[in-house]
Amino acid sequence: ALAEQVASLGDPAELERRLAADPKDHQARFDLALIQNALGERDKAADNLLAIMKADRTWQDDGARLQLLKFFEAWGMTDEATLAARRKLSSLLFS
């Protein structure tokens, strides 16, 4: 099921090209984050969601933050990637 979900999100290289052409393509960044998470690239996935939040907190009704919280739940609250991303999230929210 996970492989199908990842495949349905598109080609990561194509998403990277879209972001290189338009860093504000939040949908491409969001889809890339989902793919990165599925591939175990947790830090990259979190950083992409944090980048969306930094650029546009209201995108998709705060969709980037909500997805990040889902990642935290799935990874576990004591996971290194969760702890690192939570620190970044806190500094983003309170800066």
PDB file of N, CA and C in Angstrom:
ATOM      1  N   ALA A   1       0.834  -1.201   0.000  1.00  0.00           N
ATOM      2  CA  ALA A   1       0.000   0.000   0.000  1.00  0.00           C
ATOM      3  C   ALA A   1       0.872   1.256   0.000  1.00  0.00           C
ATOM      4  N   LEU A   2       1.962   1.213   0.765  1.00  0.00           N
ATOM      5  CA  LEU A   2       2.839   2.381   0.846  1.00  0.00           C
ATOM      6  C   LEU A   2       3.498   2.655  -0.502  1.00  0.00           C
ATOM      7  N   ALA A   3       3.938   1.598  -1.172  1.00  0.00           N
ATOM      8  CA  ALA A   3       4.579   1.769  -2.481  1.00  0.00           C
ATOM      9  C   ALA A   3       3.613   2.394  -3.477  1.00  0.00           C
ATOM     10  N   GLU A   4       2.348   1.964  -3.426  1.00  0.00           N
ATOM     11  CA  GLU A   4       1.340   2.535  -4.321  1.00  0.00           C
ATOM     12  C   GLU A   4       1.114   4.005  -4.005  1.00  0.00           C
ATOM     13  N   GLN A   5       1.053   4.338  -2.724  1.00  0.00           N
ATOM     14  CA  GLN A   5       0.846   5.727  -2.320  1.00  0.00           C
ATOM     15  C   GLN A   5       1.998   6.593  -2.814  1.00  0.00           C
ATOM     16  N   VAL A   6       3.210   6.111  -2.647  1.00  0.00           N
ATOM     17  CA  VAL A   6       4.386   6.860  -3.087  1.00  0.00           C
ATOM     18  C   VAL A   6       4.355   7.034  -4.602  1.00  0.00           C
ATOM     19  N   ALA A   7       4.049   5.960  -5.319  1.00  0.00           N
ATOM     20  CA  ALA A   7       4.005   6.031  -6.780  1.00  0.00           C
ATOM     21  C   ALA A   7       2.962   7.036  -7.251  1.00  0.00           C
ATOM     22  N   SER A   8       1.852   7.123  -6.532  1.00  0.00           N
ATOM     23  CA  SER A   8       0.781   8.038  -6.938  1.00  0.00           C
ATOM     24  C   SER A   8       1.165   9.499  -6.731  1.00  0.00           C
ATOM     25  N   LEU A   9       2.186   9.763  -5.930  1.00  0.00           N
ATOM     26  CA  LEU A   9       2.608  11.139  -5.660  1.00  0.00           C
ATOM     27  C   LEU A   9       3.509  11.690  -6.750  1.00  0.00           C
ATOM     28  N   GLY A  10       4.015  10.821  -7.593  1.00  0.00           N
ATOM     29  CA  GLY A  10       4.852  11.280  -8.686  1.00  0.00           C
ATOM     30  C   GLY A  10       6.312  10.919  -8.500  1.00  0.00           C
ATOM     31  N   ASP A  11       7.100  11.415  -9.429  1.00  0.00           N
ATOM     32  CA  ASP A  11       8.529  11.136  -9.481  1.00  0.00           C
ATOM     33  C   ASP A  11       9.273  12.163  -8.632  1.00  0.00           C
ATOM     34  N   PRO A  12      10.035  11.709  -7.641  1.00  0.00           N
ATOM     35  CA  PRO A  12      10.747  12.664  -6.786  1.00  0.00           C
ATOM     36  C   PRO A  12      11.661  13.603  -7.575  1.00  0.00           C
ATOM     37  N   ALA A  13      12.306  13.091  -8.616  1.00  0.00           N
ATOM     38  CA  ALA A  13      13.197  13.939  -9.419  1.00  0.00           C
ATOM     39  C   ALA A  13      12.403  15.050 -10.106  1.00  0.00           C
ATOM     40  N   GLU A  14      11.215  14.709 -10.585  1.00  0.00           N
ATOM     41  CA  GLU A  14      10.358  15.720 -11.218  1.00  0.00           C
ATOM     42  C   GLU A  14       9.903  16.760 -10.193  1.00  0.00           C
ATOM     43  N   LEU A  15       9.558  16.309  -8.999  1.00  0.00           N
ATOM     44  CA  LEU A  15       9.157  17.247  -7.943  1.00  0.00           C
ATOM     45  C   LEU A  15      10.318  18.174  -7.587  1.00  0.00           C
ATOM     46  N   GLU A  16      11.532  17.629  -7.544  1.00  0.00           N
ATOM     47  CA  GLU A  16      12.723  18.450  -7.273  1.00  0.00           C
ATOM     48  C   GLU A  16      12.906  19.504  -8.367  1.00  0.00           C
ATOM     49  N   ARG A  17      12.679  19.101  -9.636  1.00  0.00           N
ATOM     50  CA  ARG A  17      12.797  20.055 -10.747  1.00  0.00           C
ATOM     51  C   ARG A  17      11.759  21.164 -10.612  1.00  0.00           C
ATOM     52  N   ARG A  18      10.532  20.776 -10.246  1.00  0.00           N
ATOM     53  CA  ARG A  18       9.479  21.784 -10.060  1.00  0.00           C
ATOM     54  C   ARG A  18       9.866  22.778  -8.970  1.00  0.00           C
ATOM     55  N   LEU A  19      10.460  22.281  -7.900  1.00  0.00           N
ATOM     56  CA  LEU A  19      10.879  23.160  -6.806  1.00  0.00           C
ATOM     57  C   LEU A  19      12.046  24.053  -7.205  1.00  0.00           C
ATOM     58  N   ALA A  20      12.939  23.533  -8.020  1.00  0.00           N
ATOM     59  CA  ALA A  20      14.061  24.350  -8.494  1.00  0.00           C
ATOM     60  C   ALA A  20      13.534  25.502  -9.348  1.00  0.00           C
ATOM     61  N   ALA A  21      12.500  25.222 -10.145  1.00  0.00           N
ATOM     62  CA  ALA A  21      11.913  26.248 -11.006  1.00  0.00           C
ATOM     63  C   ALA A  21      11.047  27.215 -10.209  1.00  0.00           C
ATOM     64  N   ASP A  22      10.380  26.701  -9.173  1.00  0.00           N
ATOM     65  CA  ASP A  22       9.474  27.533  -8.373  1.00  0.00           C
ATOM     66  C   ASP A  22       9.498  27.068  -6.920  1.00  0.00           C
ATOM     67  N   PRO A  23      10.359  27.681  -6.098  1.00  0.00           N
ATOM     68  CA  PRO A  23      10.458  27.281  -4.689  1.00  0.00           C
ATOM     69  C   PRO A  23       9.144  27.444  -3.917  1.00  0.00           C
ATOM     70  N   LYS A  24       8.202  28.187  -4.462  1.00  0.00           N
ATOM     71  CA  LYS A  24       6.915  28.376  -3.785  1.00  0.00           C
ATOM     72  C   LYS A  24       5.869  27.346  -4.213  1.00  0.00           C
ATOM     73  N   ASP A  25       6.287  26.317  -4.942  1.00  0.00           N
ATOM     74  CA  ASP A  25       5.376  25.239  -5.341  1.00  0.00           C
ATOM     75  C   ASP A  25       5.186  24.328  -4.126  1.00  0.00           C
ATOM     76  N   HIS A  26       4.306  24.767  -3.237  1.00  0.00           N
ATOM     77  CA  HIS A  26       4.128  24.052  -1.971  1.00  0.00           C
ATOM     78  C   HIS A  26       3.584  22.641  -2.168  1.00  0.00           C
ATOM     79  N   GLN A  27       2.737  22.441  -3.182  1.00  0.00           N
ATOM     80  CA  GLN A  27       2.203  21.097  -3.408  1.00  0.00           C
ATOM     81  C   GLN A  27       3.327  20.134  -3.781  1.00  0.00           C
ATOM     82  N   ALA A  28       4.251  20.581  -4.624  1.00  0.00           N
ATOM     83  CA  ALA A  28       5.390  19.730  -4.997  1.00  0.00           C
ATOM     84  C   ALA A  28       6.229  19.419  -3.761  1.00  0.00           C
ATOM     85  N   ARG A  29       6.465  20.427  -2.920  1.00  0.00           N
ATOM     86  CA  ARG A  29       7.269  20.235  -1.712  1.00  0.00           C
ATOM     87  C   ARG A  29       6.561  19.276  -0.749  1.00  0.00           C
ATOM     88  N   PHE A  30       5.235  19.416  -0.621  1.00  0.00           N
ATOM     89  CA  PHE A  30       4.444  18.556   0.259  1.00  0.00           C
ATOM     90  C   PHE A  30       4.509  17.102  -0.225  1.00  0.00           C
ATOM     91  N   ASP A  31       4.282  16.900  -1.538  1.00  0.00           N
ATOM     92  CA  ASP A  31       4.325  15.544  -2.092  1.00  0.00           C
ATOM     93  C   ASP A  31       5.717  14.938  -1.928  1.00  0.00           C
ATOM     94  N   LEU A  32       6.740  15.755  -2.136  1.00  0.00           N
ATOM     95  CA  LEU A  32       8.112  15.280  -1.962  1.00  0.00           C
ATOM     96  C   LEU A  32       8.347  14.856  -0.508  1.00  0.00           C
ATOM     97  N   ALA A  33       7.814  15.616   0.430  1.00  0.00           N
ATOM     98  CA  ALA A  33       7.952  15.263   1.849  1.00  0.00           C
ATOM     99  C   ALA A  33       7.303  13.913   2.143  1.00  0.00           C
ATOM    100  N   LEU A  34       6.140  13.660   1.554  1.00  0.00           N
ATOM    101  CA  LEU A  34       5.471  12.369   1.764  1.00  0.00           C
ATOM    102  C   LEU A  34       6.317  11.225   1.205  1.00  0.00           C
ATOM    103  N   ILE A  35       6.896  11.449   0.032  1.00  0.00           N
ATOM    104  CA  ILE A  35       7.758  10.430  -0.573  1.00  0.00           C
ATOM    105  C   ILE A  35       8.998  10.215   0.299  1.00  0.00           C
ATOM    106  N   GLN A  36       9.618  11.305   0.725  1.00  0.00           N
ATOM    107  CA  GLN A  36      10.823  11.191   1.557  1.00  0.00           C
ATOM    108  C   GLN A  36      10.523  10.432   2.843  1.00  0.00           C
ATOM    109  N   ASN A  37       9.388  10.711   3.448  1.00  0.00           N
ATOM    110  CA  ASN A  37       9.018   9.987   4.661  1.00  0.00           C
ATOM    111  C   ASN A  37       8.874   8.495   4.375  1.00  0.00           C
ATOM    112  N   ALA A  38       8.205   8.167   3.282  1.00  0.00           N
ATOM    113  CA  ALA A  38       7.997   6.762   2.934  1.00  0.00           C
ATOM    114  C   ALA A  38       9.323   6.050   2.673  1.00  0.00           C
ATOM    115  N   LEU A  39      10.313   6.801   2.196  1.00  0.00           N
ATOM    116  CA  LEU A  39      11.633   6.225   1.919  1.00  0.00           C
ATOM    117  C   LEU A  39      12.545   6.236   3.140  1.00  0.00           C
ATOM    118  N   GLY A  40      12.014   6.709   4.267  1.00  0.00           N
ATOM    119  CA  GLY A  40      12.801   6.737   5.491  1.00  0.00           C
ATOM    120  C   GLY A  40      13.678   7.967   5.644  1.00  0.00           C
ATOM    121  N   GLU A  41      13.501   8.943   4.771  1.00  0.00           N
ATOM    122  CA  GLU A  41      14.286  10.183   4.836  1.00  0.00           C
ATOM    123  C   GLU A  41      13.540  11.192   5.712  1.00  0.00           C
ATOM    124  N   ARG A  42      13.458  10.869   6.986  1.00  0.00           N
ATOM    125  CA  ARG A  42      12.615  11.636   7.906  1.00  0.00           C
ATOM    126  C   ARG A  42      13.041  13.088   8.047  1.00  0.00           C
ATOM    127  N   ASP A  43      14.339  13.336   8.171  1.00  0.00           N
ATOM    128  CA  ASP A  43      14.813  14.716   8.342  1.00  0.00           C
ATOM    129  C   ASP A  43      14.468  15.571   7.132  1.00  0.00           C
ATOM    130  N   LYS A  44      14.675  15.019   5.936  1.00  0.00           N
ATOM    131  CA  LYS A  44      14.346  15.763   4.714  1.00  0.00           C
ATOM    132  C   LYS A  44      12.846  16.029   4.639  1.00  0.00           C
ATOM    133  N   ALA A  45      12.046  15.018   4.980  1.00  0.00           N
ATOM    134  CA  ALA A  45      10.590  15.170   4.939  1.00  0.00           C
ATOM    135  C   ALA A  45      10.150  16.286   5.879  1.00  0.00           C
ATOM    136  N   ALA A  46      10.663  16.263   7.092  1.00  0.00           N
ATOM    137  CA  ALA A  46      10.302  17.289   8.078  1.00  0.00           C
ATOM    138  C   ALA A  46      10.755  18.666   7.615  1.00  0.00           C
ATOM    139  N   ASP A  47      11.973  18.756   7.083  1.00  0.00           N
ATOM    140  CA  ASP A  47      12.488  20.052   6.631  1.00  0.00           C
ATOM    141  C   ASP A  47      11.632  20.634   5.512  1.00  0.00           C
ATOM    142  N   ASN A  48      11.144  19.783   4.620  1.00  0.00           N
ATOM    143  CA  ASN A  48      10.286  20.287   3.547  1.00  0.00           C
ATOM    144  C   ASN A  48       8.961  20.813   4.089  1.00  0.00           C
ATOM    145  N   LEU A  49       8.383  20.118   5.053  1.00  0.00           N
ATOM    146  CA  LEU A  49       7.130  20.608   5.641  1.00  0.00           C
ATOM    147  C   LEU A  49       7.373  21.900   6.416  1.00  0.00           C
ATOM    148  N   LEU A  50       8.482  21.976   7.121  1.00  0.00           N
ATOM    149  CA  LEU A  50       8.820  23.204   7.853  1.00  0.00           C
ATOM    150  C   LEU A  50       9.034  24.369   6.889  1.00  0.00           C
ATOM    151  N   ALA A  51       9.616  24.092   5.724  1.00  0.00           N
ATOM    152  CA  ALA A  51       9.829  25.146   4.722  1.00  0.00           C
ATOM    153  C   ALA A  51       8.493  25.693   4.223  1.00  0.00           C
ATOM    154  N   ILE A  52       7.517  24.819   4.035  1.00  0.00           N
ATOM    155  CA  ILE A  52       6.181  25.280   3.627  1.00  0.00           C
ATOM    156  C   ILE A  52       5.597  26.169   4.716  1.00  0.00           C
ATOM    157  N   MET A  53       5.696  25.720   5.963  1.00  0.00           N
ATOM    158  CA  MET A  53       5.149  26.503   7.079  1.00  0.00           C
ATOM    159  C   MET A  53       5.801  27.873   7.170  1.00  0.00           C
ATOM    160  N   LYS A  54       7.104  27.913   6.962  1.00  0.00           N
ATOM    161  CA  LYS A  54       7.827  29.180   7.048  1.00  0.00           C
ATOM    162  C   LYS A  54       7.360  30.135   5.948  1.00  0.00           C
ATOM    163  N   ALA A  55       7.100  29.593   4.764  1.00  0.00           N
ATOM    164  CA  ALA A  55       6.701  30.417   3.621  1.00  0.00           C
ATOM    165  C   ALA A  55       5.229  30.818   3.683  1.00  0.00           C
ATOM    166  N   ASP A  56       4.372  29.890   4.128  1.00  0.00           N
ATOM    167  CA  ASP A  56       2.926  30.153   4.099  1.00  0.00           C
ATOM    168  C   ASP A  56       2.219  29.265   5.113  1.00  0.00           C
ATOM    169  N   ARG A  57       2.045  29.790   6.288  1.00  0.00           N
ATOM    170  CA  ARG A  57       1.448  29.031   7.388  1.00  0.00           C
ATOM    171  C   ARG A  57       0.021  28.580   7.070  1.00  0.00           C
ATOM    172  N   THR A  58      -0.693  29.343   6.224  1.00  0.00           N
ATOM    173  CA  THR A  58      -2.108  29.052   5.964  1.00  0.00           C
ATOM    174  C   THR A  58      -2.313  28.063   4.817  1.00  0.00           C
ATOM    175  N   TRP A  59      -1.233  27.640   4.146  1.00  0.00           N
ATOM    176  CA  TRP A  59      -1.376  26.755   2.988  1.00  0.00           C
ATOM    177  C   TRP A  59      -2.153  25.497   3.378  1.00  0.00           C
ATOM    178  N   GLN A  60      -3.185  25.199   2.598  1.00  0.00           N
ATOM    179  CA  GLN A  60      -4.015  24.000   2.827  1.00  0.00           C
ATOM    180  C   GLN A  60      -4.506  23.909   4.272  1.00  0.00           C
ATOM    181  N   ASP A  61      -4.990  25.031   4.792  1.00  0.00           N
ATOM    182  CA  ASP A  61      -5.492  25.052   6.179  1.00  0.00           C
ATOM    183  C   ASP A  61      -4.464  24.502   7.169  1.00  0.00           C
ATOM    184  N   ASP A  62      -3.245  25.014   7.081  1.00  0.00           N
ATOM    185  CA  ASP A  62      -2.161  24.593   7.976  1.00  0.00           C
ATOM    186  C   ASP A  62      -1.780  23.128   7.737  1.00  0.00           C
ATOM    187  N   GLY A  63      -1.937  22.691   6.491  1.00  0.00           N
ATOM    188  CA  GLY A  63      -1.711  21.292   6.133  1.00  0.00           C
ATOM    189  C   GLY A  63      -0.308  20.782   6.396  1.00  0.00           C
ATOM    190  N   ALA A  64       0.690  21.648   6.221  1.00  0.00           N
ATOM    191  CA  ALA A  64       2.072  21.201   6.444  1.00  0.00           C
ATOM    192  C   ALA A  64       2.300  20.866   7.917  1.00  0.00           C
ATOM    193  N   ARG A  65       1.810  21.726   8.808  1.00  0.00           N
ATOM    194  CA  ARG A  65       1.980  21.465  10.244  1.00  0.00           C
ATOM    195  C   ARG A  65       1.210  20.214  10.658  1.00  0.00           C
ATOM    196  N   LEU A  66      -0.009  20.077  10.148  1.00  0.00           N
ATOM    197  CA  LEU A  66      -0.819  18.913  10.511  1.00  0.00           C
ATOM    198  C   LEU A  66      -0.164  17.615  10.031  1.00  0.00           C
ATOM    199  N   GLN A  67       0.413  17.640   8.824  1.00  0.00           N
ATOM    200  CA  GLN A  67       1.107  16.447   8.320  1.00  0.00           C
ATOM    201  C   GLN A  67       2.344  16.160   9.156  1.00  0.00           C
ATOM    202  N   LEU A  68       3.049  17.208   9.553  1.00  0.00           N
ATOM    203  CA  LEU A  68       4.233  17.024  10.389  1.00  0.00           C
ATOM    204  C   LEU A  68       3.853  16.349  11.710  1.00  0.00           C
ATOM    205  N   LEU A  69       2.741  16.760  12.292  1.00  0.00           N
ATOM    206  CA  LEU A  69       2.278  16.129  13.532  1.00  0.00           C
ATOM    207  C   LEU A  69       1.939  14.658  13.305  1.00  0.00           C
ATOM    208  N   LYS A  70       1.385  14.332  12.128  1.00  0.00           N
ATOM    209  CA  LYS A  70       1.113  12.924  11.805  1.00  0.00           C
ATOM    210  C   LYS A  70       2.421  12.141  11.704  1.00  0.00           C
ATOM    211  N   PHE A  71       3.432  12.769  11.105  1.00  0.00           N
ATOM    212  CA  PHE A  71       4.746  12.114  11.047  1.00  0.00           C
ATOM    213  C   PHE A  71       5.253  11.841  12.457  1.00  0.00           C
ATOM    214  N   PHE A  72       5.167  12.836  13.344  1.00  0.00           N
ATOM    215  CA  PHE A  72       5.648  12.664  14.718  1.00  0.00           C
ATOM    216  C   PHE A  72       4.965  11.472  15.375  1.00  0.00           C
ATOM    217  N   GLU A  73       3.660  11.383  15.176  1.00  0.00           N
ATOM    218  CA  GLU A  73       2.895  10.277  15.761  1.00  0.00           C
ATOM    219  C   GLU A  73       3.402   8.939  15.232  1.00  0.00           C
ATOM    220  N   ALA A  74       3.607   8.873  13.918  1.00  0.00           N
ATOM    221  CA  ALA A  74       4.048   7.625  13.290  1.00  0.00           C
ATOM    222  C   ALA A  74       5.475   7.269  13.703  1.00  0.00           C
ATOM    223  N   TRP A  75       6.336   8.268  13.836  1.00  0.00           N
ATOM    224  CA  TRP A  75       7.737   8.022  14.165  1.00  0.00           C
ATOM    225  C   TRP A  75       7.926   7.714  15.641  1.00  0.00           C
ATOM    226  N   GLY A  76       7.031   8.201  16.469  1.00  0.00           N
ATOM    227  CA  GLY A  76       7.174   8.073  17.917  1.00  0.00           C
ATOM    228  C   GLY A  76       7.782   9.338  18.491  1.00  0.00           C
ATOM    229  N   MET A  77       7.303   9.731  19.646  1.00  0.00           N
ATOM    230  CA  MET A  77       7.716  11.011  20.228  1.00  0.00           C
ATOM    231  C   MET A  77       9.169  11.031  20.705  1.00  0.00           C
ATOM    232  N   THR A  78       9.796   9.862  20.862  1.00  0.00           N
ATOM    233  CA  THR A  78      11.190   9.835  21.306  1.00  0.00           C
ATOM    234  C   THR A  78      12.161   9.590  20.151  1.00  0.00           C
ATOM    235  N   ASP A  79      11.641   9.455  18.938  1.00  0.00           N
ATOM    236  CA  ASP A  79      12.486   9.250  17.761  1.00  0.00           C
ATOM    237  C   ASP A  79      13.363  10.483  17.523  1.00  0.00           C
ATOM    238  N   GLU A  80      14.610  10.256  17.122  1.00  0.00           N
ATOM    239  CA  GLU A  80      15.544  11.369  16.881  1.00  0.00           C
ATOM    240  C   GLU A  80      14.997  12.368  15.868  1.00  0.00           C
ATOM    241  N   ALA A  81      14.383  11.868  14.787  1.00  0.00           N
ATOM    242  CA  ALA A  81      13.840  12.767  13.761  1.00  0.00           C
ATOM    243  C   ALA A  81      12.707  13.612  14.330  1.00  0.00           C
ATOM    244  N   THR A  82      11.881  13.005  15.177  1.00  0.00           N
ATOM    245  CA  THR A  82      10.797  13.755  15.818  1.00  0.00           C
ATOM    246  C   THR A  82      11.372  14.845  16.711  1.00  0.00           C
ATOM    247  N   LEU A  83      12.338  14.486  17.538  1.00  0.00           N
ATOM    248  CA  LEU A  83      12.918  15.460  18.468  1.00  0.00           C
ATOM    249  C   LEU A  83      13.564  16.624  17.722  1.00  0.00           C
ATOM    250  N   ALA A  84      14.309  16.318  16.671  1.00  0.00           N
ATOM    251  CA  ALA A  84      14.976  17.370  15.895  1.00  0.00           C
ATOM    252  C   ALA A  84      13.950  18.278  15.222  1.00  0.00           C
ATOM    253  N   ALA A  85      12.940  17.678  14.616  1.00  0.00           N
ATOM    254  CA  ALA A  85      11.933  18.470  13.909  1.00  0.00           C
ATOM    255  C   ALA A  85      11.077  19.275  14.882  1.00  0.00           C
ATOM    256  N   ARG A  86      10.824  18.727  16.059  1.00  0.00           N
ATOM    257  CA  ARG A  86      10.048  19.479  17.057  1.00  0.00           C
ATOM    258  C   ARG A  86      10.798  20.719  17.517  1.00  0.00           C
ATOM    259  N   ARG A  87      12.113  20.593  17.664  1.00  0.00           N
ATOM    260  CA  ARG A  87      12.917  21.774  18.028  1.00  0.00           C
ATOM    261  C   ARG A  87      12.814  22.836  16.938  1.00  0.00           C
ATOM    262  N   LYS A  88      12.936  22.414  15.683  1.00  0.00           N
ATOM    263  CA  LYS A  88      12.839  23.359  14.563  1.00  0.00           C
ATOM    264  C   LYS A  88      11.447  23.980  14.500  1.00  0.00           C
ATOM    265  N   LEU A  89      10.426  23.155  14.736  1.00  0.00           N
ATOM    266  CA  LEU A  89       9.047  23.648  14.722  1.00  0.00           C
ATOM    267  C   LEU A  89       8.848  24.696  15.811  1.00  0.00           C
ATOM    268  N   SER A  90       9.342  24.422  17.002  1.00  0.00           N
ATOM    269  CA  SER A  90       9.207  25.379  18.106  1.00  0.00           C
ATOM    270  C   SER A  90       9.870  26.704  17.769  1.00  0.00           C
ATOM    271  N   SER A  91      11.080  26.652  17.236  1.00  0.00           N
ATOM    272  CA  SER A  91      11.767  27.907  16.928  1.00  0.00           C
ATOM    273  C   SER A  91      11.061  28.648  15.799  1.00  0.00           C
ATOM    274  N   LEU A  92      10.454  27.915  14.881  1.00  0.00           N
ATOM    275  CA  LEU A  92       9.699  28.550  13.796  1.00  0.00           C
ATOM    276  C   LEU A  92       8.442  29.235  14.333  1.00  0.00           C
ATOM    277  N   LEU A  93       7.729  28.548  15.207  1.00  0.00           N
ATOM    278  CA  LEU A  93       6.472  29.080  15.735  1.00  0.00           C
ATOM    279  C   LEU A  93       6.688  30.244  16.684  1.00  0.00           C
ATOM    280  N   PHE A  94       7.799  30.226  17.412  1.00  0.00           N
ATOM    281  CA  PHE A  94       7.997  31.234  18.459  1.00  0.00           C
ATOM    282  C   PHE A  94       9.065  32.263  18.117  1.00  0.00           C
ATOM    283  N   SER A  95       9.415  32.345  16.829  1.00  0.00           N
ATOM    284  CA  SER A  95      10.422  33.341  16.440  1.00  0.00           C
ATOM    285  C   SER A  95       9.764  34.601  15.917  1.00  0.00           C
TER     286      SER A  95
END
